[in-house]
Amino acid sequence: MMSACIQLDMECAALCYAAAQLMSMGSEKAAAVCKICASLCEACADECLKHANEHCKECAEACRQCAAECKKMQ
C-alpha cells in the first residue's frame, strides 16, 4: 500500500543528500541537481499526503520546504 511512498522517500533522501554535497563543494552543477531535487521533493510530498499517518504529514511538510529551498538555488 505504501511502497510508492517509501520508494519516493528513499529517492528523495538520496537526491537531497547529493544536492547538499554538491552545494557544499560549490559545484557548478548544483543548480541543475537542485532543480531535479525540487521536482522529486514535490512528488514525494504529493505521495505522502495520500496517507493519513502523522509521519507522512511531517515528511510532506519537509519535502515542500526542501523543494522551496531548492527552487531558490536555480
PDB file of N, CA and C in Angstrom:
ATOM      1  N   MET A   1       0.813  -1.193   0.000  1.00  0.00           N
ATOM      2  CA  MET A   1       0.000   0.000   0.000  1.00  0.00           C
ATOM      3  C   MET A   1       0.863   1.266   0.000  1.00  0.00           C
ATOM      4  N   MET A   2       1.934   1.235   0.728  1.00  0.00           N
ATOM      5  CA  MET A   2       2.786   2.424   0.827  1.00  0.00           C
ATOM      6  C   MET A   2       4.114   2.253   0.099  1.00  0.00           C
ATOM      7  N   SER A   3       4.222   1.290  -0.770  1.00  0.00           N
ATOM      8  CA  SER A   3       5.509   1.042  -1.423  1.00  0.00           C
ATOM      9  C   SER A   3       5.962   2.227  -2.276  1.00  0.00           C
ATOM     10  N   ALA A   4       5.043   2.891  -2.971  1.00  0.00           N
ATOM     11  CA  ALA A   4       5.424   4.059  -3.777  1.00  0.00           C
ATOM     12  C   ALA A   4       5.914   5.185  -2.875  1.00  0.00           C
ATOM     13  N   CYS A   5       5.264   5.349  -1.736  1.00  0.00           N
ATOM     14  CA  CYS A   5       5.659   6.388  -0.784  1.00  0.00           C
ATOM     15  C   CYS A   5       7.070   6.121  -0.245  1.00  0.00           C
ATOM     16  N   ILE A   6       7.312   4.897   0.145  1.00  0.00           N
ATOM     17  CA  ILE A   6       8.619   4.532   0.689  1.00  0.00           C
ATOM     18  C   ILE A   6       9.706   4.686  -0.375  1.00  0.00           C
ATOM     19  N   GLN A   7       9.413   4.265  -1.595  1.00  0.00           N
ATOM     20  CA  GLN A   7      10.379   4.400  -2.696  1.00  0.00           C
ATOM     21  C   GLN A   7      10.717   5.867  -2.935  1.00  0.00           C
ATOM     22  N   LEU A   8       9.698   6.720  -3.001  1.00  0.00           N
ATOM     23  CA  LEU A   8       9.949   8.146  -3.210  1.00  0.00           C
ATOM     24  C   LEU A   8      10.706   8.754  -2.039  1.00  0.00           C
ATOM     25  N   ASP A   9      10.397   8.318  -0.824  1.00  0.00           N
ATOM     26  CA  ASP A   9      11.133   8.809   0.354  1.00  0.00           C
ATOM     27  C   ASP A   9      12.624   8.516   0.218  1.00  0.00           C
ATOM     28  N   MET A  10      12.937   7.302  -0.166  1.00  0.00           N
ATOM     29  CA  MET A  10      14.351   6.912  -0.289  1.00  0.00           C
ATOM     30  C   MET A  10      15.031   7.657  -1.432  1.00  0.00           C
ATOM     31  N   GLU A  11      14.356   7.806  -2.557  1.00  0.00           N
ATOM     32  CA  GLU A  11      14.924   8.536  -3.688  1.00  0.00           C
ATOM     33  C   GLU A  11      15.137   9.996  -3.314  1.00  0.00           C
ATOM     34  N   CYS A  12      14.153  10.568  -2.651  1.00  0.00           N
ATOM     35  CA  CYS A  12      14.235  11.971  -2.251  1.00  0.00           C
ATOM     36  C   CYS A  12      15.406  12.192  -1.289  1.00  0.00           C
ATOM     37  N   ALA A  13      15.535  11.329  -0.308  1.00  0.00           N
ATOM     38  CA  ALA A  13      16.632  11.458   0.656  1.00  0.00           C
ATOM     39  C   ALA A  13      17.985  11.364  -0.034  1.00  0.00           C
ATOM     40  N   ALA A  14      18.110  10.433  -0.970  1.00  0.00           N
ATOM     41  CA  ALA A  14      19.381  10.266  -1.681  1.00  0.00           C
ATOM     42  C   ALA A  14      19.709  11.500  -2.515  1.00  0.00           C
ATOM     43  N   LEU A  15      18.700  12.034  -3.197  1.00  0.00           N
ATOM     44  CA  LEU A  15      18.959  13.196  -4.056  1.00  0.00           C
ATOM     45  C   LEU A  15      19.199  14.453  -3.228  1.00  0.00           C
ATOM     46  N   CYS A  16      18.475  14.598  -2.121  1.00  0.00           N
ATOM     47  CA  CYS A  16      18.712  15.750  -1.243  1.00  0.00           C
ATOM     48  C   CYS A  16      20.139  15.724  -0.693  1.00  0.00           C
ATOM     49  N   TYR A  17      20.597  14.546  -0.324  1.00  0.00           N
ATOM     50  CA  TYR A  17      21.968  14.413   0.173  1.00  0.00           C
ATOM     51  C   TYR A  17      22.971  14.796  -0.923  1.00  0.00           C
ATOM     52  N   ALA A  18      22.723  14.301  -2.130  1.00  0.00           N
ATOM     53  CA  ALA A  18      23.627  14.620  -3.243  1.00  0.00           C
ATOM     54  C   ALA A  18      23.628  16.124  -3.537  1.00  0.00           C
ATOM     55  N   ALA A  19      22.455  16.733  -3.521  1.00  0.00           N
ATOM     56  CA  ALA A  19      22.361  18.176  -3.773  1.00  0.00           C
ATOM     57  C   ALA A  19      23.121  18.957  -2.713  1.00  0.00           C
ATOM     58  N   ALA A  20      22.957  18.572  -1.458  1.00  0.00           N
ATOM     59  CA  ALA A  20      23.665  19.257  -0.359  1.00  0.00           C
ATOM     60  C   ALA A  20      25.174  19.102  -0.515  1.00  0.00           C
ATOM     61  N   GLN A  21      25.610  17.915  -0.896  1.00  0.00           N
ATOM     62  CA  GLN A  21      27.046  17.693  -1.090  1.00  0.00           C
ATOM     63  C   GLN A  21      27.592  18.577  -2.213  1.00  0.00           C
ATOM     64  N   LEU A  22      26.881  18.643  -3.323  1.00  0.00           N
ATOM     65  CA  LEU A  22      27.329  19.469  -4.440  1.00  0.00           C
ATOM     66  C   LEU A  22      27.352  20.950  -4.072  1.00  0.00           C
ATOM     67  N   MET A  23      26.334  21.396  -3.339  1.00  0.00           N
ATOM     68  CA  MET A  23      26.322  22.794  -2.909  1.00  0.00           C
ATOM     69  C   MET A  23      27.494  23.086  -1.991  1.00  0.00           C
ATOM     70  N   SER A  24      27.803  22.156  -1.085  1.00  0.00           N
ATOM     71  CA  SER A  24      28.905  22.388  -0.142  1.00  0.00           C
ATOM     72  C   SER A  24      30.251  22.429  -0.845  1.00  0.00           C
ATOM     73  N   MET A  25      30.340  21.793  -2.013  1.00  0.00           N
ATOM     74  CA  MET A  25      31.580  21.808  -2.789  1.00  0.00           C
ATOM     75  C   MET A  25      31.635  22.971  -3.772  1.00  0.00           C
ATOM     76  N   GLY A  26      30.537  23.734  -3.849  1.00  0.00           N
ATOM     77  CA  GLY A  26      30.498  24.847  -4.791  1.00  0.00           C
ATOM     78  C   GLY A  26      30.419  24.389  -6.239  1.00  0.00           C
ATOM     79  N   SER A  27      29.828  23.246  -6.462  1.00  0.00           N
ATOM     80  CA  SER A  27      29.745  22.681  -7.805  1.00  0.00           C
ATOM     81  C   SER A  27      28.928  23.561  -8.741  1.00  0.00           C
ATOM     82  N   GLU A  28      29.387  23.695  -9.956  1.00  0.00           N
ATOM     83  CA  GLU A  28      28.634  24.447 -10.959  1.00  0.00           C
ATOM     84  C   GLU A  28      27.398  23.671 -11.411  1.00  0.00           C
ATOM     85  N   LYS A  29      27.307  22.420 -11.072  1.00  0.00           N
ATOM     86  CA  LYS A  29      26.148  21.582 -11.419  1.00  0.00           C
ATOM     87  C   LYS A  29      25.104  21.543 -10.305  1.00  0.00           C
ATOM     88  N   ALA A  30      25.363  22.195  -9.189  1.00  0.00           N
ATOM     89  CA  ALA A  30      24.446  22.152  -8.049  1.00  0.00           C
ATOM     90  C   ALA A  30      23.061  22.685  -8.411  1.00  0.00           C
ATOM     91  N   ALA A  31      22.985  23.750  -9.169  1.00  0.00           N
ATOM     92  CA  ALA A  31      21.688  24.331  -9.534  1.00  0.00           C
ATOM     93  C   ALA A  31      20.860  23.356 -10.355  1.00  0.00           C
ATOM     94  N   ALA A  32      21.497  22.647 -11.266  1.00  0.00           N
ATOM     95  CA  ALA A  32      20.779  21.668 -12.089  1.00  0.00           C
ATOM     96  C   ALA A  32      20.256  20.517 -11.231  1.00  0.00           C
ATOM     97  N   VAL A  33      21.058  20.065 -10.296  1.00  0.00           N
ATOM     98  CA  VAL A  33      20.633  18.986  -9.406  1.00  0.00           C
ATOM     99  C   VAL A  33      19.520  19.483  -8.487  1.00  0.00           C
ATOM    100  N   CYS A  34      19.612  20.721  -8.047  1.00  0.00           N
ATOM    101  CA  CYS A  34      18.563  21.283  -7.189  1.00  0.00           C
ATOM    102  C   CYS A  34      17.231  21.373  -7.925  1.00  0.00           C
ATOM    103  N   LYS A  35      17.271  21.625  -9.209  1.00  0.00           N
ATOM    104  CA  LYS A  35      16.037  21.668  -9.997  1.00  0.00           C
ATOM    105  C   LYS A  35      15.359  20.293  -9.992  1.00  0.00           C
ATOM    106  N   ILE A  36      16.141  19.254 -10.198  1.00  0.00           N
ATOM    107  CA  ILE A  36      15.605  17.888 -10.165  1.00  0.00           C
ATOM    108  C   ILE A  36      15.161  17.546  -8.749  1.00  0.00           C
ATOM    109  N   CYS A  37      15.926  17.958  -7.775  1.00  0.00           N
ATOM    110  CA  CYS A  37      15.605  17.684  -6.374  1.00  0.00           C
ATOM    111  C   CYS A  37      14.262  18.317  -6.005  1.00  0.00           C
ATOM    112  N   ALA A  38      14.020  19.547  -6.435  1.00  0.00           N
ATOM    113  CA  ALA A  38      12.750  20.215  -6.144  1.00  0.00           C
ATOM    114  C   ALA A  38      11.583  19.426  -6.728  1.00  0.00           C
ATOM    115  N   SER A  39      11.752  18.950  -7.937  1.00  0.00           N
ATOM    116  CA  SER A  39      10.705  18.173  -8.585  1.00  0.00           C
ATOM    117  C   SER A  39      10.429  16.870  -7.827  1.00  0.00           C
ATOM    118  N   LEU A  40      11.482  16.187  -7.423  1.00  0.00           N
ATOM    119  CA  LEU A  40      11.325  14.932  -6.693  1.00  0.00           C
ATOM    120  C   LEU A  40      10.723  15.177  -5.313  1.00  0.00           C
ATOM    121  N   CYS A  41      11.137  16.242  -4.654  1.00  0.00           N
ATOM    122  CA  CYS A  41      10.575  16.566  -3.340  1.00  0.00           C
ATOM    123  C   CYS A  41       9.076  16.853  -3.446  1.00  0.00           C
ATOM    124  N   GLU A  42       8.669  17.538  -4.485  1.00  0.00           N
ATOM    125  CA  GLU A  42       7.248  17.814  -4.664  1.00  0.00           C
ATOM    126  C   GLU A  42       6.473  16.522  -4.919  1.00  0.00           C
ATOM    127  N   ALA A  43       7.035  15.626  -5.721  1.00  0.00           N
ATOM    128  CA  ALA A  43       6.385  14.337  -5.980  1.00  0.00           C
ATOM    129  C   ALA A  43       6.277  13.525  -4.696  1.00  0.00           C
ATOM    130  N   CYS A  44       7.304  13.560  -3.899  1.00  0.00           N
ATOM    131  CA  CYS A  44       7.310  12.839  -2.629  1.00  0.00           C
ATOM    132  C   CYS A  44       6.243  13.416  -1.697  1.00  0.00           C
ATOM    133  N   ALA A  45       6.166  14.729  -1.615  1.00  0.00           N
ATOM    134  CA  ALA A  45       5.155  15.367  -0.766  1.00  0.00           C
ATOM    135  C   ALA A  45       3.749  15.001  -1.221  1.00  0.00           C
ATOM    136  N   ASP A  46       3.526  15.019  -2.515  1.00  0.00           N
ATOM    137  CA  ASP A  46       2.205  14.660  -3.049  1.00  0.00           C
ATOM    138  C   ASP A  46       1.837  13.229  -2.666  1.00  0.00           C
ATOM    139  N   GLU A  47       2.804  12.329  -2.782  1.00  0.00           N
ATOM    140  CA  GLU A  47       2.547  10.931  -2.436  1.00  0.00           C
ATOM    141  C   GLU A  47       2.299  10.782  -0.935  1.00  0.00           C
ATOM    142  N   CYS A  48       3.091  11.450  -0.124  1.00  0.00           N
ATOM    143  CA  CYS A  48       2.933  11.349   1.331  1.00  0.00           C
ATOM    144  C   CYS A  48       1.568  11.862   1.783  1.00  0.00           C
ATOM    145  N   LEU A  49       1.069  12.876   1.125  1.00  0.00           N
ATOM    146  CA  LEU A  49      -0.220  13.437   1.526  1.00  0.00           C
ATOM    147  C   LEU A  49      -1.389  12.502   1.238  1.00  0.00           C
ATOM    148  N   LYS A  50      -1.148  11.428   0.523  1.00  0.00           N
ATOM    149  CA  LYS A  50      -2.190  10.430   0.271  1.00  0.00           C
ATOM    150  C   LYS A  50      -2.443   9.554   1.497  1.00  0.00           C
ATOM    151  N   HIS A  51      -1.546   9.636   2.473  1.00  0.00           N
ATOM    152  CA  HIS A  51      -1.630   8.782   3.646  1.00  0.00           C
ATOM    153  C   HIS A  51      -1.981   9.608   4.879  1.00  0.00           C
ATOM    154  N   ALA A  52      -2.756   9.037   5.769  1.00  0.00           N
ATOM    155  CA  ALA A  52      -3.287   9.780   6.910  1.00  0.00           C
ATOM    156  C   ALA A  52      -2.367   9.778   8.135  1.00  0.00           C
ATOM    157  N   ASN A  53      -1.269   9.050   8.089  1.00  0.00           N
ATOM    158  CA  ASN A  53      -0.453   8.965   9.306  1.00  0.00           C
ATOM    159  C   ASN A  53       0.394  10.224   9.521  1.00  0.00           C
ATOM    160  N   GLU A  54       0.753  10.445  10.763  1.00  0.00           N
ATOM    161  CA  GLU A  54       1.491  11.656  11.145  1.00  0.00           C
ATOM    162  C   GLU A  54       2.867  11.730  10.478  1.00  0.00           C
ATOM    163  N   HIS A  55       3.549  10.596  10.370  1.00  0.00           N
ATOM    164  CA  HIS A  55       4.872  10.582   9.742  1.00  0.00           C
ATOM    165  C   HIS A  55       4.807  11.122   8.323  1.00  0.00           C
ATOM    166  N   CYS A  56       3.819  10.691   7.557  1.00  0.00           N
ATOM    167  CA  CYS A  56       3.703  11.135   6.166  1.00  0.00           C
ATOM    168  C   CYS A  56       3.383  12.627   6.084  1.00  0.00           C
ATOM    169  N   LYS A  57       2.580  13.124   7.013  1.00  0.00           N
ATOM    170  CA  LYS A  57       2.288  14.560   7.031  1.00  0.00           C
ATOM    171  C   LYS A  57       3.565  15.366   7.297  1.00  0.00           C
ATOM    172  N   GLU A  58       4.355  14.896   8.258  1.00  0.00           N
ATOM    173  CA  GLU A  58       5.618  15.575   8.568  1.00  0.00           C
ATOM    174  C   GLU A  58       6.584  15.500   7.386  1.00  0.00           C
ATOM    175  N   CYS A  59       6.627  14.344   6.746  1.00  0.00           N
ATOM    176  CA  CYS A  59       7.501  14.167   5.590  1.00  0.00           C
ATOM    177  C   CYS A  59       7.084  15.108   4.461  1.00  0.00           C
ATOM    178  N   ALA A  60       5.785  15.201   4.222  1.00  0.00           N
ATOM    179  CA  ALA A  60       5.287  16.083   3.166  1.00  0.00           C
ATOM    180  C   ALA A  60       5.681  17.533   3.427  1.00  0.00           C
ATOM    181  N   GLU A  61       5.564  17.970   4.681  1.00  0.00           N
ATOM    182  CA  GLU A  61       5.960  19.334   5.037  1.00  0.00           C
ATOM    183  C   GLU A  61       7.446  19.554   4.775  1.00  0.00           C
ATOM    184  N   ALA A  62       8.263  18.606   5.202  1.00  0.00           N
ATOM    185  CA  ALA A  62       9.711  18.725   4.998  1.00  0.00           C
ATOM    186  C   ALA A  62      10.047  18.742   3.511  1.00  0.00           C
ATOM    187  N   CYS A  63       9.369  17.915   2.739  1.00  0.00           N
ATOM    188  CA  CYS A  63       9.618  17.872   1.299  1.00  0.00           C
ATOM    189  C   CYS A  63       9.228  19.187   0.633  1.00  0.00           C
ATOM    190  N   ARG A  64       8.116  19.775   1.040  1.00  0.00           N
ATOM    191  CA  ARG A  64       7.692  21.063   0.474  1.00  0.00           C
ATOM    192  C   ARG A  64       8.719  22.148   0.809  1.00  0.00           C
ATOM    193  N   GLN A  65       9.212  22.130   2.041  1.00  0.00           N
ATOM    194  CA  GLN A  65      10.221  23.113   2.434  1.00  0.00           C
ATOM    195  C   GLN A  65      11.504  22.924   1.633  1.00  0.00           C
ATOM    196  N   CYS A  66      11.905  21.682   1.455  1.00  0.00           N
ATOM    197  CA  CYS A  66      13.110  21.393   0.695  1.00  0.00           C
ATOM    198  C   CYS A  66      12.938  21.837  -0.755  1.00  0.00           C
ATOM    199  N   ALA A  67      11.776  21.552  -1.336  1.00  0.00           N
ATOM    200  CA  ALA A  67      11.516  21.958  -2.717  1.00  0.00           C
ATOM    201  C   ALA A  67      11.609  23.474  -2.858  1.00  0.00           C
ATOM    202  N   ALA A  68      11.058  24.198  -1.896  1.00  0.00           N
ATOM    203  CA  ALA A  68      11.113  25.665  -1.944  1.00  0.00           C
ATOM    204  C   ALA A  68      12.553  26.167  -1.878  1.00  0.00           C
ATOM    205  N   GLU A  69      13.363  25.562  -1.018  1.00  0.00           N
ATOM    206  CA  GLU A  69      14.766  25.972  -0.912  1.00  0.00           C
ATOM    207  C   GLU A  69      15.537  25.620  -2.184  1.00  0.00           C
ATOM    208  N   CYS A  70      15.253  24.448  -2.732  1.00  0.00           N
ATOM    209  CA  CYS A  70      15.934  24.045  -3.974  1.00  0.00           C
ATOM    210  C   CYS A  70      15.594  24.985  -5.120  1.00  0.00           C
ATOM    211  N   LYS A  71      14.360  25.434  -5.157  1.00  0.00           N
ATOM    212  CA  LYS A  71      13.953  26.370  -6.223  1.00  0.00           C
ATOM    213  C   LYS A  71      14.705  27.689  -6.131  1.00  0.00           C
ATOM    214  N   LYS A  72      15.082  28.080  -4.915  1.00  0.00           N
ATOM    215  CA  LYS A  72      15.868  29.295  -4.733  1.00  0.00           C
ATOM    216  C   LYS A  72      17.273  29.159  -5.332  1.00  0.00           C
ATOM    217  N   MET A  73      17.755  27.930  -5.431  1.00  0.00           N
ATOM    218  CA  MET A  73      19.111  27.668  -5.928  1.00  0.00           C
ATOM    219  C   MET A  73      19.194  27.708  -7.451  1.00  0.00           C
ATOM    220  N   GLN A  74      18.055  27.642  -8.121  1.00  0.00           N
ATOM    221  CA  GLN A  74      18.057  27.533  -9.584  1.00  0.00           C
ATOM    222  C   GLN A  74      18.450  28.821 -10.244  1.00  0.00           C
TER     223      GLN A  74
END
